[in-house]
Protein backbone atom coordinates (compact mmCIF):
# COMPACT_ATOMS: atom_id res chain seq x y z
CA MET A 1 21.50 25.81 72.48
CA LYS A 2 18.62 26.99 70.31
CA TYR A 3 15.16 25.44 70.35
CA ARG A 4 12.50 24.93 67.70
CA LYS A 5 8.78 24.15 67.83
CA LEU A 6 7.98 20.57 66.85
CA GLY A 7 5.26 20.72 64.20
CA ASN A 8 1.78 21.56 65.41
CA SER A 9 2.66 20.70 69.00
CA ASP A 10 3.59 22.75 72.04
CA LEU A 11 6.96 20.99 72.33
CA GLU A 12 10.09 23.13 72.08
CA VAL A 13 12.93 20.77 71.23
CA SER A 14 16.66 21.45 71.18
CA GLU A 15 18.11 21.78 67.68
CA ILE A 16 20.46 18.93 68.59
CA ALA A 17 18.88 15.77 70.02
CA LEU A 18 20.58 12.82 71.68
CA GLY A 19 19.89 9.47 70.04
CA SER A 20 20.50 5.96 71.34
CA TRP A 21 20.63 3.74 68.25
CA LEU A 22 23.55 1.24 68.42
CA THR A 23 24.99 2.95 71.49
CA TYR A 24 23.29 3.06 74.90
CA GLY A 25 22.59 -0.34 76.34
CA VAL A 26 24.24 -1.94 73.30
CA GLY A 27 27.55 -0.53 72.10
CA ILE A 28 28.96 1.35 75.11
CA GLU A 29 29.11 0.73 78.83
CA ALA A 30 26.91 2.32 81.48
CA ASP A 31 29.37 4.84 82.88
CA ARG A 32 30.02 6.34 79.44
CA THR A 33 26.29 6.39 78.79
CA ARG A 34 25.70 8.38 81.97
CA ALA A 35 28.55 10.73 81.13
CA CYS A 36 27.07 11.41 77.68
CA LEU A 37 23.59 11.95 79.09
CA ASP A 38 24.84 14.32 81.79
CA ARG A 39 26.85 16.30 79.24
CA ALA A 40 23.84 16.54 76.94
CA PHE A 41 21.77 18.16 79.68
CA ASP A 42 24.66 20.47 80.59
CA LEU A 43 24.76 21.65 76.96
CA GLY A 44 21.04 22.39 76.86
CA ILE A 45 19.96 19.32 74.92
CA ASN A 46 16.43 18.53 76.13
CA PHE A 47 15.37 16.00 73.48
CA ILE A 48 16.13 12.28 73.89
CA ASP A 49 15.21 9.83 71.12
CA THR A 50 15.10 6.06 71.45
CA ALA A 51 13.06 3.03 70.31
CA ASN A 52 11.79 -0.19 71.84
CA VAL A 53 13.83 -2.26 69.37
CA TYR A 54 17.21 -0.67 70.18
CA GLY A 55 18.92 -3.57 71.91
CA ARG A 56 15.48 -5.21 72.19
CA GLY A 57 14.58 -2.91 75.08
CA LYS A 58 18.08 -2.41 76.47
CA ALA A 59 18.39 1.22 75.33
CA GLU A 60 15.05 2.14 76.90
CA THR A 61 15.97 0.32 80.09
CA VAL A 62 19.31 2.12 80.45
CA LEU A 63 17.75 5.50 79.68
CA GLY A 64 14.97 4.84 82.18
CA GLN A 65 17.50 4.12 84.90
CA MET A 66 19.57 7.19 84.13
CA LEU A 67 16.67 9.61 83.69
CA ALA A 68 14.94 8.47 86.87
CA GLY A 69 16.57 11.13 89.02
CA ARG A 70 15.52 14.03 86.78
CA THR A 71 12.22 15.87 86.88
CA ARG A 72 10.01 14.62 84.07
CA ASP A 73 9.31 18.06 82.62
CA SER A 74 13.04 18.80 82.25
CA TYR A 75 13.37 16.69 79.11
CA ILE A 76 11.39 15.63 76.04
CA LEU A 77 11.35 11.88 75.46
CA ALA A 78 10.57 10.10 72.20
CA THR A 79 10.39 6.40 71.44
CA LYS A 80 9.16 4.21 68.60
CA VAL A 81 7.23 1.05 67.74
CA PHE A 82 7.20 -1.34 64.76
CA PHE A 83 10.24 -3.59 64.52
CA PRO A 84 10.21 -7.10 66.05
CA MET A 85 10.60 -7.36 69.81
CA SER A 86 10.12 -11.14 69.51
CA ASP A 87 9.07 -13.61 66.83
CA ALA A 88 5.44 -12.76 67.60
CA ASP A 89 5.68 -9.11 68.58
CA LYS A 90 6.03 -6.72 65.66
CA GLY A 91 4.10 -4.27 63.51
CA LEU A 92 1.52 -1.57 64.11
CA SER A 93 -1.64 -3.51 64.89
CA ARG A 94 -3.79 -2.20 67.72
CA ALA A 95 -2.76 -5.11 69.92
CA GLN A 96 0.93 -4.44 69.31
CA ILE A 97 0.73 -0.68 69.83
CA MET A 98 -1.08 -1.15 73.12
CA LYS A 99 1.34 -3.85 74.26
CA GLN A 100 4.50 -2.07 73.19
CA ILE A 101 3.65 1.33 74.68
CA GLU A 102 3.21 -0.36 78.05
CA GLY A 103 6.56 -2.10 77.69
CA SER A 104 8.31 1.11 76.69
CA LEU A 105 6.82 3.10 79.57
CA LYS A 106 7.87 0.43 82.05
CA ARG A 107 11.43 0.31 80.76
CA LEU A 108 11.67 4.10 80.57
CA GLN A 109 10.24 4.39 84.12
CA THR A 110 7.75 7.07 83.11
CA ASP A 111 3.99 7.50 82.83
CA TYR A 112 4.14 8.97 79.35
CA VAL A 113 6.39 9.74 76.40
CA ASP A 114 6.22 13.11 74.72
CA LEU A 115 6.40 11.61 71.24
CA TYR A 116 5.41 8.10 70.12
CA GLN A 117 6.59 7.28 66.61
CA CYS A 118 5.81 4.60 64.05
CA HIS A 119 9.32 3.31 63.31
CA ARG A 120 8.24 2.31 59.79
CA TYR A 121 4.96 1.87 57.88
CA ASP A 122 3.13 -1.41 58.42
CA PRO A 123 1.62 -2.66 55.14
CA ASP A 124 0.08 -5.65 56.92
CA THR A 125 -2.18 -3.57 59.19
CA PRO A 126 -4.96 -1.26 57.99
CA LEU A 127 -3.86 2.34 58.43
CA GLU A 128 -7.18 3.13 60.09
CA GLU A 129 -6.44 0.56 62.81
CA THR A 130 -2.96 1.96 63.43
CA MET A 131 -4.13 5.57 63.61
CA ALA A 132 -7.08 4.73 65.88
CA ALA A 133 -4.75 2.89 68.27
CA LEU A 134 -2.22 5.73 68.31
CA SER A 135 -5.07 8.16 68.99
CA ASP A 136 -6.15 6.07 71.96
CA VAL A 137 -2.59 6.07 73.30
CA VAL A 138 -2.73 9.87 73.28
CA LYS A 139 -6.24 9.97 74.79
CA GLN A 140 -5.07 7.68 77.59
CA GLY A 141 -2.23 10.09 78.39
CA LYS A 142 0.52 7.61 77.54
CA ALA A 143 1.89 9.81 74.75
CA ARG A 144 1.46 13.52 74.16
CA TYR A 145 2.00 13.48 70.40
CA ILE A 146 2.62 11.03 67.57
CA GLY A 147 5.08 10.86 64.69
CA PHE A 148 6.45 8.52 62.04
CA SER A 149 9.81 7.51 60.60
CA GLU A 150 10.59 6.80 56.94
CA TRP A 151 7.03 6.87 55.64
CA SER A 152 6.52 7.46 51.93
CA PRO A 153 4.66 10.54 50.72
CA LYS A 154 1.69 8.27 49.89
CA ASN A 155 1.71 6.85 53.44
CA ILE A 156 1.73 10.37 54.85
CA GLU A 157 -1.05 11.60 52.57
CA ASP A 158 -3.23 8.61 53.45
CA ALA A 159 -2.82 9.32 57.17
CA LEU A 160 -3.58 13.01 56.70
CA ALA A 161 -6.80 12.10 54.88
CA LEU A 162 -8.24 10.23 57.86
CA SER A 163 -10.71 12.07 60.10
CA ASN A 164 -11.22 11.87 63.86
CA VAL A 165 -7.68 10.69 64.58
CA GLU A 166 -4.63 12.32 66.12
CA GLN A 167 -2.46 14.19 63.64
CA PHE A 168 1.23 13.56 63.26
CA VAL A 169 3.57 16.34 64.39
CA SER A 170 6.90 14.79 63.36
CA SER A 171 8.68 12.87 60.64
CA GLN A 172 11.99 11.12 61.28
CA PRO A 173 13.87 10.59 58.02
CA GLN A 174 17.48 9.93 57.24
CA TYR A 175 18.78 13.26 55.98
CA SER A 176 22.28 14.62 55.43
CA LEU A 177 24.55 16.16 52.83
CA LEU A 178 25.04 12.59 51.61
CA HIS A 179 21.33 11.66 51.64
CA ARG A 180 18.94 14.37 50.45
CA ARG A 181 15.96 12.31 49.32
CA PRO A 182 13.45 13.85 51.80
CA GLU A 183 13.82 17.23 50.08
CA ALA A 184 11.85 16.09 47.03
CA LYS A 185 8.49 15.30 48.60
CA VAL A 186 8.55 14.50 52.32
CA ILE A 187 9.76 17.90 53.53
CA PRO A 188 7.36 19.98 51.39
CA LEU A 189 4.42 17.74 52.29
CA SER A 190 5.31 17.87 55.96
CA ALA A 191 5.81 21.63 56.00
CA ALA A 192 2.36 22.14 54.49
CA ASN A 193 0.72 20.04 57.21
CA GLY A 194 2.32 21.07 60.50
CA ILE A 195 4.85 18.23 60.60
CA SER A 196 8.51 18.85 61.48
CA GLN A 197 11.53 16.73 60.62
CA ILE A 198 13.61 15.05 63.31
CA VAL A 199 16.62 13.97 61.32
CA TRP A 200 18.49 10.73 61.93
CA SER A 201 22.06 10.10 60.76
CA PRO A 202 22.75 13.79 59.96
CA LEU A 203 26.49 12.98 60.01
CA ALA A 204 26.06 9.79 57.94
CA GLN A 205 27.16 7.59 60.85
CA GLY A 206 30.04 9.95 61.59
CA VAL A 207 31.50 9.99 58.08
CA LEU A 208 30.70 13.69 57.66
CA SER A 209 32.78 14.44 60.75
CA GLY A 210 35.85 13.77 58.61
CA LYS A 211 37.27 11.18 61.01
CA TYR A 212 37.44 8.52 58.28
CA LYS A 213 40.06 9.53 55.70
CA PRO A 214 40.44 8.11 52.18
CA GLY A 215 43.22 5.55 51.83
CA VAL A 216 43.88 5.43 55.57
CA PRO A 217 43.02 2.51 57.93
CA LEU A 218 39.90 3.09 60.01
CA PRO A 219 40.73 4.67 63.39
CA LYS A 220 40.52 2.30 66.35
CA ASP A 221 37.80 2.80 68.96
CA THR A 222 35.38 4.33 66.46
CA ARG A 223 31.91 3.25 65.39
CA ALA A 224 33.25 1.92 62.07
CA THR A 225 35.50 -0.62 63.83
CA SER A 226 32.94 -1.68 66.44
CA ASP A 227 31.36 -5.12 66.04
CA ASP A 228 28.14 -3.79 67.59
CA MET A 229 27.96 -0.42 65.84
CA GLY A 230 29.86 -0.69 62.56
CA GLN A 231 27.74 -3.00 60.41
CA MET A 232 25.26 -0.33 59.34
CA MET A 233 27.73 2.19 57.93
CA GLN A 234 29.67 0.28 55.29
CA ASN A 235 27.87 2.13 52.47
CA TRP A 236 29.32 5.44 53.68
CA LEU A 237 32.89 4.12 53.77
CA ARG A 238 33.28 3.79 50.02
CA PRO A 239 36.48 5.48 48.74
CA GLU A 240 34.64 7.94 46.49
CA ILE A 241 32.50 9.14 49.40
CA LEU A 242 35.45 9.50 51.76
CA ASP A 243 37.32 11.44 49.09
CA ALA A 244 34.40 13.84 48.56
CA VAL A 245 33.99 14.37 52.30
CA HIS A 246 37.71 15.11 52.57
CA GLN A 247 37.20 17.91 50.03
CA LEU A 248 34.71 19.53 52.41
CA LYS A 249 37.37 20.19 55.03
CA PRO A 250 38.66 23.48 53.55
CA ILE A 251 35.07 24.77 53.33
CA ALA A 252 34.46 24.00 57.01
CA GLN A 253 37.75 25.69 57.87
CA GLU A 254 36.71 28.76 55.89
CA ALA A 255 33.43 28.74 57.83
CA GLY A 256 35.39 28.66 61.08
CA CYS A 257 33.85 25.45 62.38
CA THR A 258 34.51 21.72 62.53
CA MET A 259 33.26 19.43 59.80
CA SER A 260 30.61 18.00 62.14
CA GLN A 261 29.36 21.48 62.95
CA PHE A 262 29.29 22.38 59.26
CA ALA A 263 27.27 19.26 58.38
CA LEU A 264 24.81 19.89 61.21
CA ALA A 265 24.49 23.58 60.34
CA TRP A 266 23.67 22.47 56.78
CA ILE A 267 20.84 20.33 58.19
CA LEU A 268 19.54 23.15 60.38
CA ARG A 269 19.45 25.58 57.46
CA GLU A 270 16.17 23.85 56.54
CA PRO A 271 13.27 25.55 58.41
CA ASN A 272 11.20 22.36 58.48
CA VAL A 273 13.88 20.58 60.52
CA ALA A 274 13.17 20.83 64.24
CA SER A 275 16.11 18.77 65.47
CA ALA A 276 19.07 16.71 64.29
CA ILE A 277 19.66 13.49 66.24
CA VAL A 278 23.29 12.74 67.06
CA GLY A 279 24.78 9.70 68.67
CA ALA A 280 27.64 9.98 71.11
CA SER A 281 29.90 7.39 72.68
CA ARG A 282 32.03 10.08 74.36
CA PRO A 283 30.87 13.31 76.03
CA GLU A 284 33.29 15.49 74.07
CA GLN A 285 31.52 14.51 70.85
CA LEU A 286 28.47 16.29 72.17
CA ASP A 287 30.49 19.44 72.87
CA ASP A 288 31.37 19.60 69.19
CA ASN A 289 27.90 18.74 67.91
CA ALA A 290 25.96 21.01 70.24
CA ALA A 291 28.05 23.98 69.11
CA ALA A 292 26.39 23.69 65.69
CA SER A 293 23.16 25.07 67.12
CA GLY A 294 22.74 28.71 66.20
CA ILE A 295 25.70 28.85 63.80
CA ASP A 296 24.97 31.34 61.00
CA LEU A 297 26.99 30.48 57.89
CA ASP A 298 27.14 32.00 54.43
CA PRO A 299 24.76 29.97 52.21
CA ALA A 300 27.36 30.12 49.46
CA LEU A 301 29.50 27.73 51.51
CA PHE A 302 26.65 25.23 51.55
CA VAL A 303 26.27 25.55 47.77
CA ARG A 304 29.95 24.71 47.30
CA ALA A 305 29.65 21.71 49.60
CA GLU A 306 26.56 20.45 47.79
CA ALA A 307 28.38 20.65 44.45
CA ILE A 308 31.22 18.49 45.75
CA ILE A 309 28.84 15.82 47.02
CA ALA A 310 26.73 15.93 43.86
CA ALA A 311 29.80 15.04 41.82
CA ILE A 312 30.23 11.65 43.51
C-alpha cells in the first residue's frame, strides 16, 4: 500500500480508503463488517471514511465498536455533517456542528476525528458561521482538520477568502472514468490551495468492476440487487454504460490487472487525489482494490479507455 499526504495537513493516508456508505451498520451484518475492517488493516489501509447520516448513526456506531480495540494513532478517521439526523437536526449552523460532532465522537468511541467534513454546502447558514464553528471544533481538539464534499467552485472560493478560520485540506467529490466533472474546476482550484481530493464512488457503485454485464440479469448477492444498497446506482446500469464498460475489459487485460484495479489506477494517476474510497461487503473485494495502489500503467491505456467512455 502506498500513502499520500492529505492537502496541507500532516496526515499520510492510504491511496485506498475504506468507506461505509450503504454498507456497515446498514447493508451487511456485523461479522462481515468486522472481516472487512480487519482485512483493510491487514492490507495497509489506514483511512476510514464515514458520516453521521449513514444509517442515521448506525455506521458510526458499528465502526466505533469495531475500532475500539485498536490504538487510536493506527488509523485515520473521517466523518461528516450536514444531512438530516432528525426532522430538526440538519445543516451546518453553529448549533448543529457543535451538536453533531459530539454525537459522532460518542458513537465512534473516540475523543477526536482526524478529518471533519461538510457533507454538502448549506445555503441556509452564513458561510462565516459554518467556518467559525468548524474552526472551534479544531481548536477544541475534536477534529484535527476539516474538509468538504461536493462544494461548487464558488463555495470553495468563498471559504478560501475568509480570514482567521481553519483552512480546508480535503475535498470529497464523486470522480471516476464515468464521472469526470471535478477535473474542470474543482481539482485545479484545490491543487492551487493545498486541498486534496478524497474520491467517492471511484468504481461507479461497482459498475466499473465489470461485474454487471450488458444484456445479462444482475448477479445475485450484489449491491445492485440489494434493497438497502441498490437504489442509488440505477443511473450506472443503463445498457449503453454497461456496454462501454464491457469494452474496457480487453484494455485492463492488456494492462495485466482487473477492471477494478484499472479504474482505481486511473483515479490515482491524478496527483491531486490523495485517496480513493471503496466500499466492501466481502473481504476479498478489498484484496482486489488494494492491489491498485502503486500500479504503474502506460498512460496510453488510459487514453484508450477515456475515448470509449466519451463515446457513450
